[in-house]
Amino acid sequence: MSTITIQLSDERLLRLQELAKEAKIAPEELIRASVEEWLSRPKEDFARAANYVLRKNAELYRRLA
């Protein structure tokens, strides 16, 4: 397992600590769970952007084919 170090403003650190306390977990655990959830999401943004480009350029692609 690897370790990552990040810098947070004092305000953000305080907010992180408050959220972790509310959830009754360590701040590091809250961050780890958030990152894991974010990484496991489908790449909806990419799919949405690709579909937009394909629709927008459909006529051009048809002419080039």
PDB file of N, CA and C in Angstrom:
ATOM      1  N   MET A   1       0.836  -1.166   0.000  1.00  0.00           N
ATOM      2  CA  MET A   1       0.000   0.000   0.000  1.00  0.00           C
ATOM      3  C   MET A   1       0.886   1.235   0.000  1.00  0.00           C
ATOM      4  N   SER A   2       0.464   2.266  -0.707  1.00  0.00           N
ATOM      5  CA  SER A   2       1.231   3.505  -0.816  1.00  0.00           C
ATOM      6  C   SER A   2       0.602   4.599   0.031  1.00  0.00           C
ATOM      7  N   THR A   3       1.383   5.639   0.271  1.00  0.00           N
ATOM      8  CA  THR A   3       0.934   6.778   1.052  1.00  0.00           C
ATOM      9  C   THR A   3       1.044   8.032   0.208  1.00  0.00           C
ATOM     10  N   ILE A   4       0.047   8.914   0.335  1.00  0.00           N
ATOM     11  CA  ILE A   4       0.042  10.201  -0.351  1.00  0.00           C
ATOM     12  C   ILE A   4      -0.058  11.287   0.709  1.00  0.00           C
ATOM     13  N   THR A   5       0.690  12.344   0.517  1.00  0.00           N
ATOM     14  CA  THR A   5       0.625  13.497   1.411  1.00  0.00           C
ATOM     15  C   THR A   5       0.022  14.662   0.642  1.00  0.00           C
ATOM     16  N   ILE A   6      -0.959  15.329   1.244  1.00  0.00           N
ATOM     17  CA  ILE A   6      -1.590  16.487   0.600  1.00  0.00           C
ATOM     18  C   ILE A   6      -1.536  17.679   1.549  1.00  0.00           C
ATOM     19  N   GLN A   7      -1.637  18.851   0.984  1.00  0.00           N
ATOM     20  CA  GLN A   7      -1.688  20.067   1.781  1.00  0.00           C
ATOM     21  C   GLN A   7      -3.119  20.590   1.781  1.00  0.00           C
ATOM     22  N   LEU A   8      -3.602  20.955   2.950  1.00  0.00           N
ATOM     23  CA  LEU A   8      -4.927  21.554   3.099  1.00  0.00           C
ATOM     24  C   LEU A   8      -4.784  22.857   3.863  1.00  0.00           C
ATOM     25  N   SER A   9      -5.655  23.803   3.556  1.00  0.00           N
ATOM     26  CA  SER A   9      -5.672  25.022   4.356  1.00  0.00           C
ATOM     27  C   SER A   9      -6.152  24.663   5.759  1.00  0.00           C
ATOM     28  N   ASP A  10      -5.867  25.530   6.700  1.00  0.00           N
ATOM     29  CA  ASP A  10      -6.311  25.284   8.075  1.00  0.00           C
ATOM     30  C   ASP A  10      -7.835  25.152   8.139  1.00  0.00           C
ATOM     31  N   GLU A  11      -8.529  25.955   7.339  1.00  0.00           N
ATOM     32  CA  GLU A  11      -9.992  25.892   7.324  1.00  0.00           C
ATOM     33  C   GLU A  11     -10.496  24.552   6.804  1.00  0.00           C
ATOM     34  N   ARG A  12      -9.873  24.071   5.743  1.00  0.00           N
ATOM     35  CA  ARG A  12     -10.280  22.780   5.164  1.00  0.00           C
ATOM     36  C   ARG A  12      -9.964  21.630   6.120  1.00  0.00           C
ATOM     37  N   LEU A  13      -8.821  21.700   6.773  1.00  0.00           N
ATOM     38  CA  LEU A  13      -8.466  20.669   7.735  1.00  0.00           C
ATOM     39  C   LEU A  13      -9.467  20.635   8.884  1.00  0.00           C
ATOM     40  N   LEU A  14      -9.845  21.800   9.370  1.00  0.00           N
ATOM     41  CA  LEU A  14     -10.831  21.871  10.445  1.00  0.00           C
ATOM     42  C   LEU A  14     -12.159  21.269   9.996  1.00  0.00           C
ATOM     43  N   ARG A  15     -12.583  21.585   8.782  1.00  0.00           N
ATOM     44  CA  ARG A  15     -13.845  21.035   8.249  1.00  0.00           C
ATOM     45  C   ARG A  15     -13.741  19.516   8.103  1.00  0.00           C
ATOM     46  N   LEU A  16     -12.615  19.032   7.615  1.00  0.00           N
ATOM     47  CA  LEU A  16     -12.397  17.591   7.496  1.00  0.00           C
ATOM     48  C   LEU A  16     -12.488  16.914   8.853  1.00  0.00           C
ATOM     49  N   GLN A  17     -11.845  17.498   9.832  1.00  0.00           N
ATOM     50  CA  GLN A  17     -11.887  16.933  11.182  1.00  0.00           C
ATOM     51  C   GLN A  17     -13.299  16.930  11.750  1.00  0.00           C
ATOM     52  N   GLU A  18     -14.062  17.987  11.486  1.00  0.00           N
ATOM     53  CA  GLU A  18     -15.453  18.045  11.949  1.00  0.00           C
ATOM     54  C   GLU A  18     -16.300  16.952  11.301  1.00  0.00           C
ATOM     55  N   LEU A  19     -16.147  16.794   9.979  1.00  0.00           N
ATOM     56  CA  LEU A  19     -16.914  15.762   9.271  1.00  0.00           C
ATOM     57  C   LEU A  19     -16.547  14.365   9.757  1.00  0.00           C
ATOM     58  N   ALA A  20     -15.269  14.144   9.963  1.00  0.00           N
ATOM     59  CA  ALA A  20     -14.813  12.833  10.442  1.00  0.00           C
ATOM     60  C   ALA A  20     -15.356  12.566  11.850  1.00  0.00           C
ATOM     61  N   LYS A  21     -15.358  13.585  12.676  1.00  0.00           N
ATOM     62  CA  LYS A  21     -15.871  13.419  14.036  1.00  0.00           C
ATOM     63  C   LYS A  21     -17.357  13.081  14.008  1.00  0.00           C
ATOM     64  N   GLU A  22     -18.111  13.761  13.142  1.00  0.00           N
ATOM     65  CA  GLU A  22     -19.538  13.473  12.997  1.00  0.00           C
ATOM     66  C   GLU A  22     -19.761  12.026  12.548  1.00  0.00           C
ATOM     67  N   ALA A  23     -18.897  11.549  11.668  1.00  0.00           N
ATOM     68  CA  ALA A  23     -19.015  10.180  11.158  1.00  0.00           C
ATOM     69  C   ALA A  23     -18.371   9.154  12.086  1.00  0.00           C
ATOM     70  N   LYS A  24     -17.711   9.641  13.130  1.00  0.00           N
ATOM     71  CA  LYS A  24     -17.045   8.775  14.112  1.00  0.00           C
ATOM     72  C   LYS A  24     -15.958   7.905  13.481  1.00  0.00           C
ATOM     73  N   ILE A  25     -15.194   8.550  12.587  1.00  0.00           N
ATOM     74  CA  ILE A  25     -14.061   7.875  11.961  1.00  0.00           C
ATOM     75  C   ILE A  25     -12.887   8.844  11.923  1.00  0.00           C
ATOM     76  N   ALA A  26     -11.707   8.333  11.667  1.00  0.00           N
ATOM     77  CA  ALA A  26     -10.514   9.173  11.553  1.00  0.00           C
ATOM     78  C   ALA A  26     -10.585   9.988  10.261  1.00  0.00           C
ATOM     79  N   PRO A  27     -10.035  11.190  10.257  1.00  0.00           N
ATOM     80  CA  PRO A  27     -10.025  11.991   9.023  1.00  0.00           C
ATOM     81  C   PRO A  27      -9.387  11.250   7.845  1.00  0.00           C
ATOM     82  N   GLU A  28      -8.324  10.492   8.125  1.00  0.00           N
ATOM     83  CA  GLU A  28      -7.671   9.730   7.052  1.00  0.00           C
ATOM     84  C   GLU A  28      -8.613   8.694   6.445  1.00  0.00           C
ATOM     85  N   GLU A  29      -9.427   8.073   7.296  1.00  0.00           N
ATOM     86  CA  GLU A  29     -10.384   7.079   6.813  1.00  0.00           C
ATOM     87  C   GLU A  29     -11.463   7.741   5.961  1.00  0.00           C
ATOM     88  N   LEU A  30     -11.900   8.922   6.357  1.00  0.00           N
ATOM     89  CA  LEU A  30     -12.899   9.657   5.577  1.00  0.00           C
ATOM     90  C   LEU A  30     -12.353   9.991   4.197  1.00  0.00           C
ATOM     91  N   ILE A  31     -11.130  10.460   4.156  1.00  0.00           N
ATOM     92  CA  ILE A  31     -10.503  10.777   2.863  1.00  0.00           C
ATOM     93  C   ILE A  31     -10.343   9.527   2.014  1.00  0.00           C
ATOM     94  N   ARG A  32      -9.842   8.442   2.617  1.00  0.00           N
ATOM     95  CA  ARG A  32      -9.644   7.193   1.863  1.00  0.00           C
ATOM     96  C   ARG A  32     -10.953   6.703   1.270  1.00  0.00           C
ATOM     97  N   ALA A  33     -12.015   6.707   2.073  1.00  0.00           N
ATOM     98  CA  ALA A  33     -13.322   6.237   1.597  1.00  0.00           C
ATOM     99  C   ALA A  33     -13.841   7.138   0.479  1.00  0.00           C
ATOM    100  N   SER A  34     -13.636   8.433   0.613  1.00  0.00           N
ATOM    101  CA  SER A  34     -14.098   9.367  -0.418  1.00  0.00           C
ATOM    102  C   SER A  34     -13.354   9.154  -1.729  1.00  0.00           C
ATOM    103  N   VAL A  35     -12.046   8.975  -1.646  1.00  0.00           N
ATOM    104  CA  VAL A  35     -11.246   8.747  -2.855  1.00  0.00           C
ATOM    105  C   VAL A  35     -11.631   7.419  -3.499  1.00  0.00           C
ATOM    106  N   GLU A  36     -11.796   6.384  -2.711  1.00  0.00           N
ATOM    107  CA  GLU A  36     -12.176   5.084  -3.275  1.00  0.00           C
ATOM    108  C   GLU A  36     -13.537   5.158  -3.953  1.00  0.00           C
ATOM    109  N   GLU A  37     -14.481   5.869  -3.351  1.00  0.00           N
ATOM    110  CA  GLU A  37     -15.811   6.016  -3.957  1.00  0.00           C
ATOM    111  C   GLU A  37     -15.698   6.780  -5.264  1.00  0.00           C
ATOM    112  N   TRP A  38     -14.918   7.849  -5.272  1.00  0.00           N
ATOM    113  CA  TRP A  38     -14.749   8.663  -6.470  1.00  0.00           C
ATOM    114  C   TRP A  38     -14.093   7.863  -7.589  1.00  0.00           C
ATOM    115  N   LEU A  39     -13.084   7.066  -7.259  1.00  0.00           N
ATOM    116  CA  LEU A  39     -12.379   6.274  -8.268  1.00  0.00           C
ATOM    117  C   LEU A  39     -13.225   5.140  -8.825  1.00  0.00           C
ATOM    118  N   SER A  40     -14.205   4.680  -8.075  1.00  0.00           N
ATOM    119  CA  SER A  40     -15.025   3.566  -8.543  1.00  0.00           C
ATOM    120  C   SER A  40     -16.225   4.008  -9.371  1.00  0.00           C
ATOM    121  N   ARG A  41     -16.463   5.307  -9.468  1.00  0.00           N
ATOM    122  CA  ARG A  41     -17.586   5.811 -10.271  1.00  0.00           C
ATOM    123  C   ARG A  41     -17.334   5.544 -11.747  1.00  0.00           C
ATOM    124  N   PRO A  42     -18.430   5.303 -12.477  1.00  0.00           N
ATOM    125  CA  PRO A  42     -18.257   5.174 -13.932  1.00  0.00           C
ATOM    126  C   PRO A  42     -17.796   6.511 -14.504  1.00  0.00           C
ATOM    127  N   LYS A  43     -17.143   6.445 -15.588  1.00  0.00           N
ATOM    128  CA  LYS A  43     -16.609   7.648 -16.197  1.00  0.00           C
ATOM    129  C   LYS A  43     -17.703   8.338 -17.011  1.00  0.00           C
ATOM    130  N   GLU A  44     -18.743   8.783 -16.304  1.00  0.00           N
ATOM    131  CA  GLU A  44     -19.902   9.401 -16.948  1.00  0.00           C
ATOM    132  C   GLU A  44     -19.531  10.680 -17.683  1.00  0.00           C
ATOM    133  N   ASP A  45     -18.648  11.473 -17.107  1.00  0.00           N
ATOM    134  CA  ASP A  45     -18.273  12.726 -17.745  1.00  0.00           C
ATOM    135  C   ASP A  45     -17.637  12.480 -19.104  1.00  0.00           C
ATOM    136  N   PHE A  46     -16.759  11.475 -19.175  1.00  0.00           N
ATOM    137  CA  PHE A  46     -16.122  11.170 -20.452  1.00  0.00           C
ATOM    138  C   PHE A  46     -17.165  10.681 -21.459  1.00  0.00           C
ATOM    139  N   ALA A  47     -18.048   9.787 -21.032  1.00  0.00           N
ATOM    140  CA  ALA A  47     -19.072   9.258 -21.929  1.00  0.00           C
ATOM    141  C   ALA A  47     -19.988  10.379 -22.421  1.00  0.00           C
ATOM    142  N   ARG A  48     -20.348  11.284 -21.530  1.00  0.00           N
ATOM    143  CA  ARG A  48     -21.210  12.407 -21.898  1.00  0.00           C
ATOM    144  C   ARG A  48     -20.503  13.302 -22.923  1.00  0.00           C
ATOM    145  N   ALA A  49     -19.238  13.590 -22.690  1.00  0.00           N
ATOM    146  CA  ALA A  49     -18.479  14.435 -23.618  1.00  0.00           C
ATOM    147  C   ALA A  49     -18.310  13.750 -24.971  1.00  0.00           C
ATOM    148  N   ALA A  50     -18.007  12.468 -24.959  1.00  0.00           N
ATOM    149  CA  ALA A  50     -17.838  11.726 -26.212  1.00  0.00           C
ATOM    150  C   ALA A  50     -19.139  11.712 -27.008  1.00  0.00           C
ATOM    151  N   ASN A  51     -20.248  11.469 -26.353  1.00  0.00           N
ATOM    152  CA  ASN A  51     -21.542  11.468 -27.042  1.00  0.00           C
ATOM    153  C   ASN A  51     -21.850  12.831 -27.644  1.00  0.00           C
ATOM    154  N   TYR A  52     -21.528  13.894 -26.904  1.00  0.00           N
ATOM    155  CA  TYR A  52     -21.753  15.247 -27.412  1.00  0.00           C
ATOM    156  C   TYR A  52     -20.943  15.487 -28.685  1.00  0.00           C
ATOM    157  N   VAL A  53     -19.671  15.128 -28.655  1.00  0.00           N
ATOM    158  CA  VAL A  53     -18.807  15.335 -29.820  1.00  0.00           C
ATOM    159  C   VAL A  53     -19.301  14.505 -31.005  1.00  0.00           C
ATOM    160  N   LEU A  54     -19.683  13.272 -30.750  1.00  0.00           N
ATOM    161  CA  LEU A  54     -20.173  12.421 -31.841  1.00  0.00           C
ATOM    162  C   LEU A  54     -21.454  12.977 -32.452  1.00  0.00           C
ATOM    163  N   ARG A  55     -22.369  13.435 -31.622  1.00  0.00           N
ATOM    164  CA  ARG A  55     -23.620  14.018 -32.143  1.00  0.00           C
ATOM    165  C   ARG A  55     -23.339  15.308 -32.907  1.00  0.00           C
ATOM    166  N   LYS A  56     -22.494  16.156 -32.344  1.00  0.00           N
ATOM    167  CA  LYS A  56     -22.195  17.444 -32.950  1.00  0.00           C
ATOM    168  C   LYS A  56     -21.531  17.280 -34.314  1.00  0.00           C
ATOM    169  N   ASN A  57     -20.680  16.273 -34.451  1.00  0.00           N
ATOM    170  CA  ASN A  57     -19.922  16.084 -35.687  1.00  0.00           C
ATOM    171  C   ASN A  57     -20.449  14.943 -36.549  1.00  0.00           C
ATOM    172  N   ALA A  58     -21.646  14.479 -36.293  1.00  0.00           N
ATOM    173  CA  ALA A  58     -22.197  13.330 -37.032  1.00  0.00           C
ATOM    174  C   ALA A  58     -22.204  13.575 -38.534  1.00  0.00           C
ATOM    175  N   GLU A  59     -22.625  14.769 -38.968  1.00  0.00           N
ATOM    176  CA  GLU A  59     -22.678  15.065 -40.395  1.00  0.00           C
ATOM    177  C   GLU A  59     -21.283  15.042 -41.011  1.00  0.00           C
ATOM    178  N   LEU A  60     -20.313  15.611 -40.326  1.00  0.00           N
ATOM    179  CA  LEU A  60     -18.945  15.601 -40.818  1.00  0.00           C
ATOM    180  C   LEU A  60     -18.421  14.168 -40.939  1.00  0.00           C
ATOM    181  N   TYR A  61     -18.663  13.365 -39.933  1.00  0.00           N
ATOM    182  CA  TYR A  61     -18.198  11.969 -39.968  1.00  0.00           C
ATOM    183  C   TYR A  61     -18.866  11.205 -41.113  1.00  0.00           C
ATOM    184  N   ARG A  62     -20.138  11.494 -41.376  1.00  0.00           N
ATOM    185  CA  ARG A  62     -20.857  10.818 -42.459  1.00  0.00           C
ATOM    186  C   ARG A  62     -20.242  11.203 -43.810  1.00  0.00           C
ATOM    187  N   ARG A  63     -19.899  12.467 -43.984  1.00  0.00           N
ATOM    188  CA  ARG A  63     -19.303  12.926 -45.246  1.00  0.00           C
ATOM    189  C   ARG A  63     -17.899  12.329 -45.450  1.00  0.00           C
ATOM    190  N   LEU A  64     -17.161  12.196 -44.364  1.00  0.00           N
ATOM    191  CA  LEU A  64     -15.803  11.671 -44.470  1.00  0.00           C
ATOM    192  C   LEU A  64     -15.768  10.166 -44.693  1.00  0.00           C
ATOM    193  N   ALA A  65     -16.856   9.481 -44.380  1.00  0.00           N
ATOM    194  CA  ALA A  65     -16.869   8.023 -44.460  1.00  0.00           C
ATOM    195  C   ALA A  65     -16.876   7.508 -45.865  1.00  0.00           C
TER     196      ALA A  65
END
